[in-house]
């Protein structure tokens, strides 16, 4: 059975590129438009990995990360940040909140798959 990835980004074009890349590598993809949407979908599905942007309306990626880490079934699920944020203070906040890794946009599809494969196989 294919691993399921929750891809969260308010940019439709980024979601499409991420989804295309992941589906091409055999992953199931659930898309969410922001943190609030992602939280609802995370509660409805079994997800093997969450890939989220930081800067989004309604709920940002750091708040989503914090709320997911408080859910029993997301304590050990890898959560990767895929964002334009490359500031070390922001990375430290992400790590503190429980982020598994950090990728900066624009992303290299091969690098993205490499990191995901390393994290969930």
PDB file of N, CA and C in Angstrom:
ATOM      1  N   UNK A   1       0.838  -1.190   0.000  1.00  0.00           N
ATOM      2  CA  UNK A   1       0.000   0.000   0.000  1.00  0.00           C
ATOM      3  C   UNK A   1       0.882   1.252   0.000  1.00  0.00           C
ATOM      4  N   UNK A   2       0.488   2.231  -0.786  1.00  0.00           N
ATOM      5  CA  UNK A   2       1.271   3.465  -0.917  1.00  0.00           C
ATOM      6  C   UNK A   2       1.208   4.285   0.373  1.00  0.00           C
ATOM      7  N   UNK A   3       2.303   4.963   0.668  1.00  0.00           N
ATOM      8  CA  UNK A   3       2.340   5.859   1.827  1.00  0.00           C
ATOM      9  C   UNK A   3       1.569   7.123   1.459  1.00  0.00           C
ATOM     10  N   UNK A   4       0.919   7.710   2.463  1.00  0.00           N
ATOM     11  CA  UNK A   4       0.096   8.901   2.237  1.00  0.00           C
ATOM     12  C   UNK A   4       0.777  10.132   2.810  1.00  0.00           C
ATOM     13  N   UNK A   5       0.815  11.182   1.979  1.00  0.00           N
ATOM     14  CA  UNK A   5       1.437  12.443   2.377  1.00  0.00           C
ATOM     15  C   UNK A   5       0.398  13.549   2.322  1.00  0.00           C
ATOM     16  N   UNK A   6       0.325  14.326   3.386  1.00  0.00           N
ATOM     17  CA  UNK A   6      -0.550  15.489   3.443  1.00  0.00           C
ATOM     18  C   UNK A   6       0.288  16.693   3.026  1.00  0.00           C
ATOM     19  N   UNK A   7      -0.044  17.284   1.874  1.00  0.00           N
ATOM     20  CA  UNK A   7       0.687  18.437   1.336  1.00  0.00           C
ATOM     21  C   UNK A   7      -0.118  19.701   1.595  1.00  0.00           C
ATOM     22  N   UNK A   8       0.482  20.636   2.356  1.00  0.00           N
ATOM     23  CA  UNK A   8      -0.230  21.830   2.795  1.00  0.00           C
ATOM     24  C   UNK A   8       0.454  23.087   2.254  1.00  0.00           C
ATOM     25  N   UNK A   9      -0.256  23.838   1.426  1.00  0.00           N
ATOM     26  CA  UNK A   9       0.287  25.094   0.902  1.00  0.00           C
ATOM     27  C   UNK A   9      -0.863  25.936   0.386  1.00  0.00           C
ATOM     28  N   UNK A  10      -0.831  27.237   0.625  1.00  0.00           N
ATOM     29  CA  UNK A  10      -1.902  28.102   0.141  1.00  0.00           C
ATOM     30  C   UNK A  10      -1.748  28.433  -1.343  1.00  0.00           C
ATOM     31  N   UNK A  11      -0.603  28.098  -1.918  1.00  0.00           N
ATOM     32  CA  UNK A  11      -0.386  28.333  -3.346  1.00  0.00           C
ATOM     33  C   UNK A  11      -0.799  27.097  -4.145  1.00  0.00           C
ATOM     34  N   UNK A  12      -1.801  27.271  -5.012  1.00  0.00           N
ATOM     35  CA  UNK A  12      -2.283  26.152  -5.822  1.00  0.00           C
ATOM     36  C   UNK A  12      -1.178  25.592  -6.713  1.00  0.00           C
ATOM     37  N   UNK A  13      -0.336  26.458  -7.257  1.00  0.00           N
ATOM     38  CA  UNK A  13       0.727  25.977  -8.152  1.00  0.00           C
ATOM     39  C   UNK A  13       1.765  25.149  -7.394  1.00  0.00           C
ATOM     40  N   UNK A  14       2.088  25.540  -6.176  1.00  0.00           N
ATOM     41  CA  UNK A  14       3.038  24.746  -5.363  1.00  0.00           C
ATOM     42  C   UNK A  14       2.403  23.402  -5.023  1.00  0.00           C
ATOM     43  N   UNK A  15       1.121  23.418  -4.612  1.00  0.00           N
ATOM     44  CA  UNK A  15       0.437  22.155  -4.305  1.00  0.00           C
ATOM     45  C   UNK A  15       0.445  21.238  -5.515  1.00  0.00           C
ATOM     46  N   UNK A  16       0.182  21.783  -6.685  1.00  0.00           N
ATOM     47  CA  UNK A  16       0.176  20.969  -7.907  1.00  0.00           C
ATOM     48  C   UNK A  16       1.546  20.375  -8.186  1.00  0.00           C
ATOM     49  N   UNK A  17       2.602  21.186  -8.053  1.00  0.00           N
ATOM     50  CA  UNK A  17       3.965  20.684  -8.312  1.00  0.00           C
ATOM     51  C   UNK A  17       4.355  19.602  -7.304  1.00  0.00           C
ATOM     52  N   UNK A  18       4.043  19.845  -6.039  1.00  0.00           N
ATOM     53  CA  UNK A  18       4.351  18.868  -4.987  1.00  0.00           C
ATOM     54  C   UNK A  18       3.569  17.582  -5.241  1.00  0.00           C
ATOM     55  N   UNK A  19       2.278  17.723  -5.495  1.00  0.00           N
ATOM     56  CA  UNK A  19       1.412  16.569  -5.728  1.00  0.00           C
ATOM     57  C   UNK A  19       1.885  15.760  -6.939  1.00  0.00           C
ATOM     58  N   UNK A  20       2.201  16.438  -8.023  1.00  0.00           N
ATOM     59  CA  UNK A  20       2.687  15.791  -9.243  1.00  0.00           C
ATOM     60  C   UNK A  20       3.978  15.010  -8.956  1.00  0.00           C
ATOM     61  N   UNK A  21       4.897  15.643  -8.237  1.00  0.00           N
ATOM     62  CA  UNK A  21       6.182  15.013  -7.888  1.00  0.00           C
ATOM     63  C   UNK A  21       5.967  13.770  -7.027  1.00  0.00           C
ATOM     64  N   UNK A  22       5.134  13.898  -6.002  1.00  0.00           N
ATOM     65  CA  UNK A  22       4.911  12.792  -5.068  1.00  0.00           C
ATOM     66  C   UNK A  22       4.122  11.642  -5.693  1.00  0.00           C
ATOM     67  N   UNK A  23       3.076  11.979  -6.446  1.00  0.00           N
ATOM     68  CA  UNK A  23       2.278  10.927  -7.094  1.00  0.00           C
ATOM     69  C   UNK A  23       3.123  10.178  -8.118  1.00  0.00           C
ATOM     70  N   UNK A  24       4.007  10.902  -8.804  1.00  0.00           N
ATOM     71  CA  UNK A  24       4.905  10.291  -9.779  1.00  0.00           C
ATOM     72  C   UNK A  24       5.850   9.289  -9.133  1.00  0.00           C
ATOM     73  N   UNK A  25       6.116   9.486  -7.841  1.00  0.00           N
ATOM     74  CA  UNK A  25       7.001   8.579  -7.102  1.00  0.00           C
ATOM     75  C   UNK A  25       6.202   7.491  -6.374  1.00  0.00           C
ATOM     76  N   UNK A  26       4.885   7.461  -6.608  1.00  0.00           N
ATOM     77  CA  UNK A  26       4.075   6.389  -6.034  1.00  0.00           C
ATOM     78  C   UNK A  26       3.401   6.681  -4.709  1.00  0.00           C
ATOM     79  N   UNK A  27       3.463   7.923  -4.239  1.00  0.00           N
ATOM     80  CA  UNK A  27       2.808   8.272  -2.971  1.00  0.00           C
ATOM     81  C   UNK A  27       1.363   8.697  -3.224  1.00  0.00           C
ATOM     82  N   UNK A  28       0.510   8.451  -2.215  1.00  0.00           N
ATOM     83  CA  UNK A  28      -0.849   8.998  -2.218  1.00  0.00           C
ATOM     84  C   UNK A  28      -0.703  10.419  -1.676  1.00  0.00           C
ATOM     85  N   UNK A  29      -1.461  11.367  -2.220  1.00  0.00           N
ATOM     86  CA  UNK A  29      -1.348  12.750  -1.755  1.00  0.00           C
ATOM     87  C   UNK A  29      -2.718  13.303  -1.392  1.00  0.00           C
ATOM     88  N   UNK A  30      -2.780  13.910  -0.221  1.00  0.00           N
ATOM     89  CA  UNK A  30      -3.970  14.640   0.208  1.00  0.00           C
ATOM     90  C   UNK A  30      -3.531  16.102   0.252  1.00  0.00           C
ATOM     91  N   UNK A  31      -4.257  16.967  -0.430  1.00  0.00           N
ATOM     92  CA  UNK A  31      -3.891  18.377  -0.470  1.00  0.00           C
ATOM     93  C   UNK A  31      -4.746  19.176   0.506  1.00  0.00           C
ATOM     94  N   UNK A  32      -4.107  20.195   1.127  1.00  0.00           N
ATOM     95  CA  UNK A  32      -4.815  21.113   2.013  1.00  0.00           C
ATOM     96  C   UNK A  32      -4.365  22.533   1.681  1.00  0.00           C
ATOM     97  N   UNK A  33      -5.313  23.491   1.760  1.00  0.00           N
ATOM     98  CA  UNK A  33      -5.038  24.863   1.344  1.00  0.00           C
ATOM     99  C   UNK A  33      -4.441  25.748   2.442  1.00  0.00           C
ATOM    100  N   UNK A  34      -4.526  25.301   3.696  1.00  0.00           N
ATOM    101  CA  UNK A  34      -3.923  26.040   4.811  1.00  0.00           C
ATOM    102  C   UNK A  34      -3.912  25.130   6.043  1.00  0.00           C
ATOM    103  N   UNK A  35      -3.411  25.650   7.145  1.00  0.00           N
ATOM    104  CA  UNK A  35      -3.285  24.838   8.353  1.00  0.00           C
ATOM    105  C   UNK A  35      -4.607  24.314   8.882  1.00  0.00           C
ATOM    106  N   UNK A  36      -5.647  25.145   8.813  1.00  0.00           N
ATOM    107  CA  UNK A  36      -6.965  24.747   9.301  1.00  0.00           C
ATOM    108  C   UNK A  36      -7.509  23.566   8.492  1.00  0.00           C
ATOM    109  N   UNK A  37      -7.406  23.684   7.177  1.00  0.00           N
ATOM    110  CA  UNK A  37      -7.841  22.618   6.266  1.00  0.00           C
ATOM    111  C   UNK A  37      -7.019  21.343   6.528  1.00  0.00           C
ATOM    112  N   UNK A  38      -5.724  21.526   6.731  1.00  0.00           N
ATOM    113  CA  UNK A  38      -4.824  20.389   6.976  1.00  0.00           C
ATOM    114  C   UNK A  38      -5.174  19.668   8.273  1.00  0.00           C
ATOM    115  N   UNK A  39      -5.480  20.431   9.308  1.00  0.00           N
ATOM    116  CA  UNK A  39      -5.821  19.836  10.599  1.00  0.00           C
ATOM    117  C   UNK A  39      -7.081  18.985  10.466  1.00  0.00           C
ATOM    118  N   UNK A  40      -8.075  19.501   9.745  1.00  0.00           N
ATOM    119  CA  UNK A  40      -9.313  18.742   9.523  1.00  0.00           C
ATOM    120  C   UNK A  40      -9.020  17.456   8.747  1.00  0.00           C
ATOM    121  N   UNK A  41      -8.213  17.553   7.693  1.00  0.00           N
ATOM    122  CA  UNK A  41      -7.899  16.373   6.887  1.00  0.00           C
ATOM    123  C   UNK A  41      -7.012  15.390   7.643  1.00  0.00           C
ATOM    124  N   UNK A  42      -6.132  15.895   8.485  1.00  0.00           N
ATOM    125  CA  UNK A  42      -5.257  15.030   9.286  1.00  0.00           C
ATOM    126  C   UNK A  42      -6.095  14.183  10.254  1.00  0.00           C
ATOM    127  N   UNK A  43      -7.203  14.741  10.715  1.00  0.00           N
ATOM    128  CA  UNK A  43      -8.085  14.002  11.621  1.00  0.00           C
ATOM    129  C   UNK A  43      -8.956  12.986  10.894  1.00  0.00           C
ATOM    130  N   UNK A  44      -9.087  13.122   9.571  1.00  0.00           N
ATOM    131  CA  UNK A  44      -9.941  12.219   8.791  1.00  0.00           C
ATOM    132  C   UNK A  44      -9.166  11.093   8.112  1.00  0.00           C
ATOM    133  N   UNK A  45      -7.858  11.232   8.007  1.00  0.00           N
ATOM    134  CA  UNK A  45      -7.054  10.270   7.253  1.00  0.00           C
ATOM    135  C   UNK A  45      -5.852   9.791   8.062  1.00  0.00           C
ATOM    136  N   UNK A  46      -5.334   8.618   7.696  1.00  0.00           N
ATOM    137  CA  UNK A  46      -4.074   8.142   8.250  1.00  0.00           C
ATOM    138  C   UNK A  46      -2.975   8.647   7.335  1.00  0.00           C
ATOM    139  N   UNK A  47      -2.115   9.483   7.856  1.00  0.00           N
ATOM    140  CA  UNK A  47      -1.075  10.127   7.067  1.00  0.00           C
ATOM    141  C   UNK A  47       0.292   9.649   7.547  1.00  0.00           C
ATOM    142  N   UNK A  48       1.189   9.352   6.594  1.00  0.00           N
ATOM    143  CA  UNK A  48       2.542   8.905   6.935  1.00  0.00           C
ATOM    144  C   UNK A  48       3.533  10.051   7.064  1.00  0.00           C
ATOM    145  N   UNK A  49       3.191  11.203   6.442  1.00  0.00           N
ATOM    146  CA  UNK A  49       4.080  12.362   6.480  1.00  0.00           C
ATOM    147  C   UNK A  49       3.270  13.614   6.162  1.00  0.00           C
ATOM    148  N   UNK A  50       3.632  14.728   6.825  1.00  0.00           N
ATOM    149  CA  UNK A  50       3.007  16.021   6.535  1.00  0.00           C
ATOM    150  C   UNK A  50       4.093  16.922   5.960  1.00  0.00           C
ATOM    151  N   UNK A  51       3.757  17.566   4.854  1.00  0.00           N
ATOM    152  CA  UNK A  51       4.669  18.489   4.184  1.00  0.00           C
ATOM    153  C   UNK A  51       3.944  19.825   4.161  1.00  0.00           C
ATOM    154  N   UNK A  52       4.430  20.821   4.922  1.00  0.00           N
ATOM    155  CA  UNK A  52       3.671  22.062   5.054  1.00  0.00           C
ATOM    156  C   UNK A  52       4.494  23.326   4.856  1.00  0.00           C
ATOM    157  N   UNK A  53       3.823  24.308   4.287  1.00  0.00           N
ATOM    158  CA  UNK A  53       4.359  25.661   4.175  1.00  0.00           C
ATOM    159  C   UNK A  53       4.240  26.299   5.564  1.00  0.00           C
ATOM    160  N   UNK A  54       4.855  27.458   5.747  1.00  0.00           N
ATOM    161  CA  UNK A  54       4.700  28.181   7.012  1.00  0.00           C
ATOM    162  C   UNK A  54       3.699  29.316   6.869  1.00  0.00           C
ATOM    163  N   UNK A  55       3.928  30.199   5.905  1.00  0.00           N
ATOM    164  CA  UNK A  55       3.103  31.397   5.759  1.00  0.00           C
ATOM    165  C   UNK A  55       1.831  31.105   4.977  1.00  0.00           C
ATOM    166  N   UNK A  56       0.711  30.976   5.734  1.00  0.00           N
ATOM    167  CA  UNK A  56      -0.587  30.682   5.121  1.00  0.00           C
ATOM    168  C   UNK A  56      -1.675  31.414   5.891  1.00  0.00           C
ATOM    169  N   UNK A  57      -2.807  31.687   5.219  1.00  0.00           N
ATOM    170  CA  UNK A  57      -3.931  32.320   5.932  1.00  0.00           C
ATOM    171  C   UNK A  57      -4.605  31.329   6.891  1.00  0.00           C
ATOM    172  N   UNK A  58      -5.472  31.826   7.722  1.00  0.00           N
ATOM    173  CA  UNK A  58      -6.245  31.077   8.721  1.00  0.00           C
ATOM    174  C   UNK A  58      -5.400  30.401   9.784  1.00  0.00           C
ATOM    175  N   UNK A  59      -4.429  29.569   9.382  1.00  0.00           N
ATOM    176  CA  UNK A  59      -3.528  28.942  10.355  1.00  0.00           C
ATOM    177  C   UNK A  59      -2.204  28.690   9.658  1.00  0.00           C
ATOM    178  N   UNK A  60      -1.119  29.191  10.264  1.00  0.00           N
ATOM    179  CA  UNK A  60       0.188  28.998   9.631  1.00  0.00           C
ATOM    180  C   UNK A  60       0.763  27.621   9.953  1.00  0.00           C
ATOM    181  N   UNK A  61       1.855  27.301   9.288  1.00  0.00           N
ATOM    182  CA  UNK A  61       2.464  25.984   9.427  1.00  0.00           C
ATOM    183  C   UNK A  61       3.016  25.678  10.805  1.00  0.00           C
ATOM    184  N   UNK A  62       3.508  26.705  11.510  1.00  0.00           N
ATOM    185  CA  UNK A  62       4.045  26.462  12.858  1.00  0.00           C
ATOM    186  C   UNK A  62       2.922  26.112  13.827  1.00  0.00           C
ATOM    187  N   UNK A  63       1.789  26.797  13.719  1.00  0.00           N
ATOM    188  CA  UNK A  63       0.639  26.491  14.580  1.00  0.00           C
ATOM    189  C   UNK A  63       0.116  25.089  14.249  1.00  0.00           C
ATOM    190  N   UNK A  64       0.051  24.767  12.955  1.00  0.00           N
ATOM    191  CA  UNK A  64      -0.368  23.427  12.536  1.00  0.00           C
ATOM    192  C   UNK A  64       0.559  22.377  13.141  1.00  0.00           C
ATOM    193  N   UNK A  65       1.846  22.597  13.043  1.00  0.00           N
ATOM    194  CA  UNK A  65       2.854  21.691  13.591  1.00  0.00           C
ATOM    195  C   UNK A  65       2.620  21.462  15.081  1.00  0.00           C
ATOM    196  N   UNK A  66       2.426  22.555  15.798  1.00  0.00           N
ATOM    197  CA  UNK A  66       2.186  22.496  17.241  1.00  0.00           C
ATOM    198  C   UNK A  66       0.920  21.687  17.559  1.00  0.00           C
ATOM    199  N   UNK A  67      -0.166  21.961  16.837  1.00  0.00           N
ATOM    200  CA  UNK A  67      -1.435  21.249  17.089  1.00  0.00           C
ATOM    201  C   UNK A  67      -1.340  19.771  16.717  1.00  0.00           C
ATOM    202  N   UNK A  68      -0.661  19.462  15.601  1.00  0.00           N
ATOM    203  CA  UNK A  68      -0.501  18.054  15.216  1.00  0.00           C
ATOM    204  C   UNK A  68       0.319  17.296  16.259  1.00  0.00           C
ATOM    205  N   UNK A  69       1.369  17.906  16.759  1.00  0.00           N
ATOM    206  CA  UNK A  69       2.227  17.239  17.756  1.00  0.00           C
ATOM    207  C   UNK A  69       1.478  16.967  19.058  1.00  0.00           C
ATOM    208  N   UNK A  70       0.378  17.695  19.290  1.00  0.00           N
ATOM    209  CA  UNK A  70      -0.436  17.455  20.488  1.00  0.00           C
ATOM    210  C   UNK A  70      -1.435  16.318  20.304  1.00  0.00           C
ATOM    211  N   UNK A  71      -1.580  15.824  19.075  1.00  0.00           N
ATOM    212  CA  UNK A  71      -2.476  14.704  18.807  1.00  0.00           C
ATOM    213  C   UNK A  71      -1.699  13.392  18.941  1.00  0.00           C
ATOM    214  N   UNK A  72      -2.253  12.443  19.650  1.00  0.00           N
ATOM    215  CA  UNK A  72      -1.561  11.175  19.901  1.00  0.00           C
ATOM    216  C   UNK A  72      -1.063  10.499  18.623  1.00  0.00           C
ATOM    217  N   UNK A  73      -1.896  10.477  17.575  1.00  0.00           N
ATOM    218  CA  UNK A  73      -1.495   9.763  16.360  1.00  0.00           C
ATOM    219  C   UNK A  73      -0.544  10.571  15.461  1.00  0.00           C
ATOM    220  N   UNK A  74      -0.162  11.783  15.876  1.00  0.00           N
ATOM    221  CA  UNK A  74       0.801  12.574  15.094  1.00  0.00           C
ATOM    222  C   UNK A  74       2.085  12.881  15.874  1.00  0.00           C
ATOM    223  N   UNK A  75       2.212  12.257  17.042  1.00  0.00           N
ATOM    224  CA  UNK A  75       3.421  12.480  17.856  1.00  0.00           C
ATOM    225  C   UNK A  75       4.687  12.072  17.105  1.00  0.00           C
ATOM    226  N   UNK A  76       4.609  10.963  16.352  1.00  0.00           N
ATOM    227  CA  UNK A  76       5.801  10.432  15.674  1.00  0.00           C
ATOM    228  C   UNK A  76       5.740  10.502  14.150  1.00  0.00           C
ATOM    229  N   UNK A  77       4.716  11.155  13.614  1.00  0.00           N
ATOM    230  CA  UNK A  77       4.610  11.305  12.159  1.00  0.00           C
ATOM    231  C   UNK A  77       5.591  12.394  11.721  1.00  0.00           C
ATOM    232  N   UNK A  78       6.440  12.104  10.734  1.00  0.00           N
ATOM    233  CA  UNK A  78       7.381  13.129  10.273  1.00  0.00           C
ATOM    234  C   UNK A  78       6.636  14.336   9.687  1.00  0.00           C
ATOM    235  N   UNK A  79       7.085  15.528  10.056  1.00  0.00           N
ATOM    236  CA  UNK A  79       6.503  16.762   9.519  1.00  0.00           C
ATOM    237  C   UNK A  79       7.642  17.591   8.943  1.00  0.00           C
ATOM    238  N   UNK A  80       7.597  17.777   7.621  1.00  0.00           N
ATOM    239  CA  UNK A  80       8.616  18.563   6.925  1.00  0.00           C
ATOM    240  C   UNK A  80       8.052  19.930   6.575  1.00  0.00           C
ATOM    241  N   UNK A  81       8.852  20.959   6.796  1.00  0.00           N
ATOM    242  CA  UNK A  81       8.467  22.315   6.427  1.00  0.00           C
ATOM    243  C   UNK A  81       9.021  22.581   5.030  1.00  0.00           C
ATOM    244  N   UNK A  82       8.158  23.027   4.119  1.00  0.00           N
ATOM    245  CA  UNK A  82       8.560  23.389   2.759  1.00  0.00           C
ATOM    246  C   UNK A  82       8.140  24.845   2.585  1.00  0.00           C
ATOM    247  N   UNK A  83       9.118  25.753   2.650  1.00  0.00           N
ATOM    248  CA  UNK A  83       8.801  27.166   2.779  1.00  0.00           C
ATOM    249  C   UNK A  83       9.855  28.066   2.136  1.00  0.00           C
ATOM    250  N   UNK A  84       9.491  29.312   1.944  1.00  0.00           N
ATOM    251  CA  UNK A  84      10.472  30.294   1.458  1.00  0.00           C
ATOM    252  C   UNK A  84      11.314  30.808   2.631  1.00  0.00           C
ATOM    253  N   UNK A  85      10.901  30.504   3.852  1.00  0.00           N
ATOM    254  CA  UNK A  85      11.615  30.957   5.052  1.00  0.00           C
ATOM    255  C   UNK A  85      12.935  30.202   5.201  1.00  0.00           C
ATOM    256  N   UNK A  86      14.030  30.950   5.229  1.00  0.00           N
ATOM    257  CA  UNK A  86      15.324  30.285   5.419  1.00  0.00           C
ATOM    258  C   UNK A  86      16.059  30.868   6.629  1.00  0.00           C
ATOM    259  N   UNK A  87      15.397  31.744   7.354  1.00  0.00           N
ATOM    260  CA  UNK A  87      15.965  32.386   8.533  1.00  0.00           C
ATOM    261  C   UNK A  87      16.243  31.358   9.636  1.00  0.00           C
ATOM    262  N   UNK A  88      17.415  31.416  10.226  1.00  0.00           N
ATOM    263  CA  UNK A  88      17.787  30.424  11.238  1.00  0.00           C
ATOM    264  C   UNK A  88      16.903  30.502  12.480  1.00  0.00           C
ATOM    265  N   UNK A  89      16.416  31.691  12.825  1.00  0.00           N
ATOM    266  CA  UNK A  89      15.521  31.822  13.988  1.00  0.00           C
ATOM    267  C   UNK A  89      14.197  31.100  13.706  1.00  0.00           C
ATOM    268  N   UNK A  90      13.716  31.222  12.470  1.00  0.00           N
ATOM    269  CA  UNK A  90      12.471  30.551  12.091  1.00  0.00           C
ATOM    270  C   UNK A  90      12.678  29.039  12.087  1.00  0.00           C
ATOM    271  N   UNK A  91      13.838  28.589  11.592  1.00  0.00           N
ATOM    272  CA  UNK A  91      14.146  27.156  11.600  1.00  0.00           C
ATOM    273  C   UNK A  91      14.187  26.635  13.030  1.00  0.00           C
ATOM    274  N   UNK A  92      14.757  27.432  13.935  1.00  0.00           N
ATOM    275  CA  UNK A  92      14.841  27.040  15.348  1.00  0.00           C
ATOM    276  C   UNK A  92      13.438  26.902  15.938  1.00  0.00           C
ATOM    277  N   UNK A  93      12.534  27.827  15.597  1.00  0.00           N
ATOM    278  CA  UNK A  93      11.138  27.736  16.067  1.00  0.00           C
ATOM    279  C   UNK A  93      10.489  26.456  15.553  1.00  0.00           C
ATOM    280  N   UNK A  94      10.750  26.142  14.284  1.00  0.00           N
ATOM    281  CA  UNK A  94      10.199  24.933  13.698  1.00  0.00           C
ATOM    282  C   UNK A  94      10.699  23.686  14.393  1.00  0.00           C
ATOM    283  N   UNK A  95      11.998  23.648  14.638  1.00  0.00           N
ATOM    284  CA  UNK A  95      12.607  22.494  15.299  1.00  0.00           C
ATOM    285  C   UNK A  95      12.041  22.343  16.715  1.00  0.00           C
ATOM    286  N   UNK A  96      11.923  23.474  17.401  1.00  0.00           N
ATOM    287  CA  UNK A  96      11.385  23.489  18.759  1.00  0.00           C
ATOM    288  C   UNK A  96       9.939  22.976  18.789  1.00  0.00           C
ATOM    289  N   UNK A  97       9.176  23.322  17.750  1.00  0.00           N
ATOM    290  CA  UNK A  97       7.771  22.895  17.672  1.00  0.00           C
ATOM    291  C   UNK A  97       7.634  21.438  17.232  1.00  0.00           C
ATOM    292  N   UNK A  98       8.735  20.829  16.775  1.00  0.00           N
ATOM    293  CA  UNK A  98       8.691  19.409  16.431  1.00  0.00           C
ATOM    294  C   UNK A  98       8.858  19.082  14.964  1.00  0.00           C
ATOM    295  N   UNK A  99       9.332  20.039  14.154  1.00  0.00           N
ATOM    296  CA  UNK A  99       9.544  19.764  12.728  1.00  0.00           C
ATOM    297  C   UNK A  99      10.642  18.714  12.565  1.00  0.00           C
ATOM    298  N   UNK A 100      10.432  17.801  11.636  1.00  0.00           N
ATOM    299  CA  UNK A 100      11.402  16.747  11.350  1.00  0.00           C
ATOM    300  C   UNK A 100      12.504  17.260  10.436  1.00  0.00           C
ATOM    301  N   UNK A 101      12.133  18.171   9.518  1.00  0.00           N
ATOM    302  CA  UNK A 101      13.100  18.700   8.564  1.00  0.00           C
ATOM    303  C   UNK A 101      12.610  19.986   7.944  1.00  0.00           C
ATOM    304  N   UNK A 102      13.487  20.609   7.132  1.00  0.00           N
ATOM    305  CA  UNK A 102      13.214  21.927   6.576  1.00  0.00           C
ATOM    306  C   UNK A 102      13.733  21.976   5.147  1.00  0.00           C
ATOM    307  N   UNK A 103      12.851  22.280   4.201  1.00  0.00           N
ATOM    308  CA  UNK A 103      13.245  22.441   2.800  1.00  0.00           C
ATOM    309  C   UNK A 103      12.833  23.828   2.346  1.00  0.00           C
ATOM    310  N   UNK A 104      13.699  24.473   1.568  1.00  0.00           N
ATOM    311  CA  UNK A 104      13.416  25.835   1.125  1.00  0.00           C
ATOM    312  C   UNK A 104      12.927  25.841  -0.317  1.00  0.00           C
ATOM    313  N   UNK A 105      11.865  26.635  -0.568  1.00  0.00           N
ATOM    314  CA  UNK A 105      11.333  26.825  -1.920  1.00  0.00           C
ATOM    315  C   UNK A 105      12.171  27.882  -2.624  1.00  0.00           C
ATOM    316  N   UNK A 106      12.296  27.822  -3.932  1.00  0.00           N
ATOM    317  CA  UNK A 106      11.756  26.767  -4.790  1.00  0.00           C
ATOM    318  C   UNK A 106      12.472  25.450  -4.527  1.00  0.00           C
ATOM    319  N   UNK A 107      11.741  24.360  -4.592  1.00  0.00           N
ATOM    320  CA  UNK A 107      12.313  23.063  -4.241  1.00  0.00           C
ATOM    321  C   UNK A 107      12.755  22.294  -5.473  1.00  0.00           C
ATOM    322  N   UNK A 108      13.742  21.446  -5.259  1.00  0.00           N
ATOM    323  CA  UNK A 108      14.224  20.533  -6.297  1.00  0.00           C
ATOM    324  C   UNK A 108      13.443  19.229  -6.094  1.00  0.00           C
ATOM    325  N   UNK A 109      12.624  18.825  -7.078  1.00  0.00           N
ATOM    326  CA  UNK A 109      11.811  17.613  -6.912  1.00  0.00           C
ATOM    327  C   UNK A 109      12.616  16.381  -6.491  1.00  0.00           C
ATOM    328  N   UNK A 110      13.805  16.209  -7.041  1.00  0.00           N
ATOM    329  CA  UNK A 110      14.625  15.047  -6.666  1.00  0.00           C
ATOM    330  C   UNK A 110      15.072  15.125  -5.219  1.00  0.00           C
ATOM    331  N   UNK A 111      15.412  16.320  -4.761  1.00  0.00           N
ATOM    332  CA  UNK A 111      15.835  16.512  -3.367  1.00  0.00           C
ATOM    333  C   UNK A 111      14.647  16.249  -2.426  1.00  0.00           C
ATOM    334  N   UNK A 112      13.476  16.735  -2.823  1.00  0.00           N
ATOM    335  CA  UNK A 112      12.276  16.518  -2.021  1.00  0.00           C
ATOM    336  C   UNK A 112      12.019  15.020  -1.849  1.00  0.00           C
ATOM    337  N   UNK A 113      12.069  14.279  -2.946  1.00  0.00           N
ATOM    338  CA  UNK A 113      11.838  12.830  -2.891  1.00  0.00           C
ATOM    339  C   UNK A 113      12.912  12.120  -2.078  1.00  0.00           C
ATOM    340  N   UNK A 114      14.137  12.595  -2.206  1.00  0.00           N
ATOM    341  CA  UNK A 114      15.258  12.010  -1.453  1.00  0.00           C
ATOM    342  C   UNK A 114      15.022  12.147   0.052  1.00  0.00           C
ATOM    343  N   UNK A 115      14.613  13.358   0.469  1.00  0.00           N
ATOM    344  CA  UNK A 115      14.367  13.619   1.897  1.00  0.00           C
ATOM    345  C   UNK A 115      13.176  12.790   2.385  1.00  0.00           C
ATOM    346  N   UNK A 116      12.107  12.754   1.608  1.00  0.00           N
ATOM    347  CA  UNK A 116      10.923  11.984   2.006  1.00  0.00           C
ATOM    348  C   UNK A 116      11.257  10.496   2.099  1.00  0.00           C
ATOM    349  N   UNK A 117      11.998  10.003   1.140  1.00  0.00           N
ATOM    350  CA  UNK A 117      12.370   8.580   1.154  1.00  0.00           C
ATOM    351  C   UNK A 117      13.214   8.261   2.401  1.00  0.00           C
ATOM    352  N   UNK A 118      14.091   9.177   2.760  1.00  0.00           N
ATOM    353  CA  UNK A 118      14.947   8.991   3.936  1.00  0.00           C
ATOM    354  C   UNK A 118      14.091   8.951   5.200  1.00  0.00           C
ATOM    355  N   UNK A 119      13.022   9.755   5.233  1.00  0.00           N
ATOM    356  CA  UNK A 119      12.185   9.873   6.423  1.00  0.00           C
ATOM    357  C   UNK A 119      11.129   8.774   6.547  1.00  0.00           C
ATOM    358  N   UNK A 120      10.478   8.406   5.416  1.00  0.00           N
ATOM    359  CA  UNK A 120       9.399   7.392   5.519  1.00  0.00           C
ATOM    360  C   UNK A 120       9.597   6.174   4.630  1.00  0.00           C
ATOM    361  N   UNK A 121      10.658   6.172   3.849  1.00  0.00           N
ATOM    362  CA  UNK A 121      10.937   5.008   3.016  1.00  0.00           C
ATOM    363  C   UNK A 121      10.118   4.930   1.753  1.00  0.00           C
TER     364      UNK A 121
END
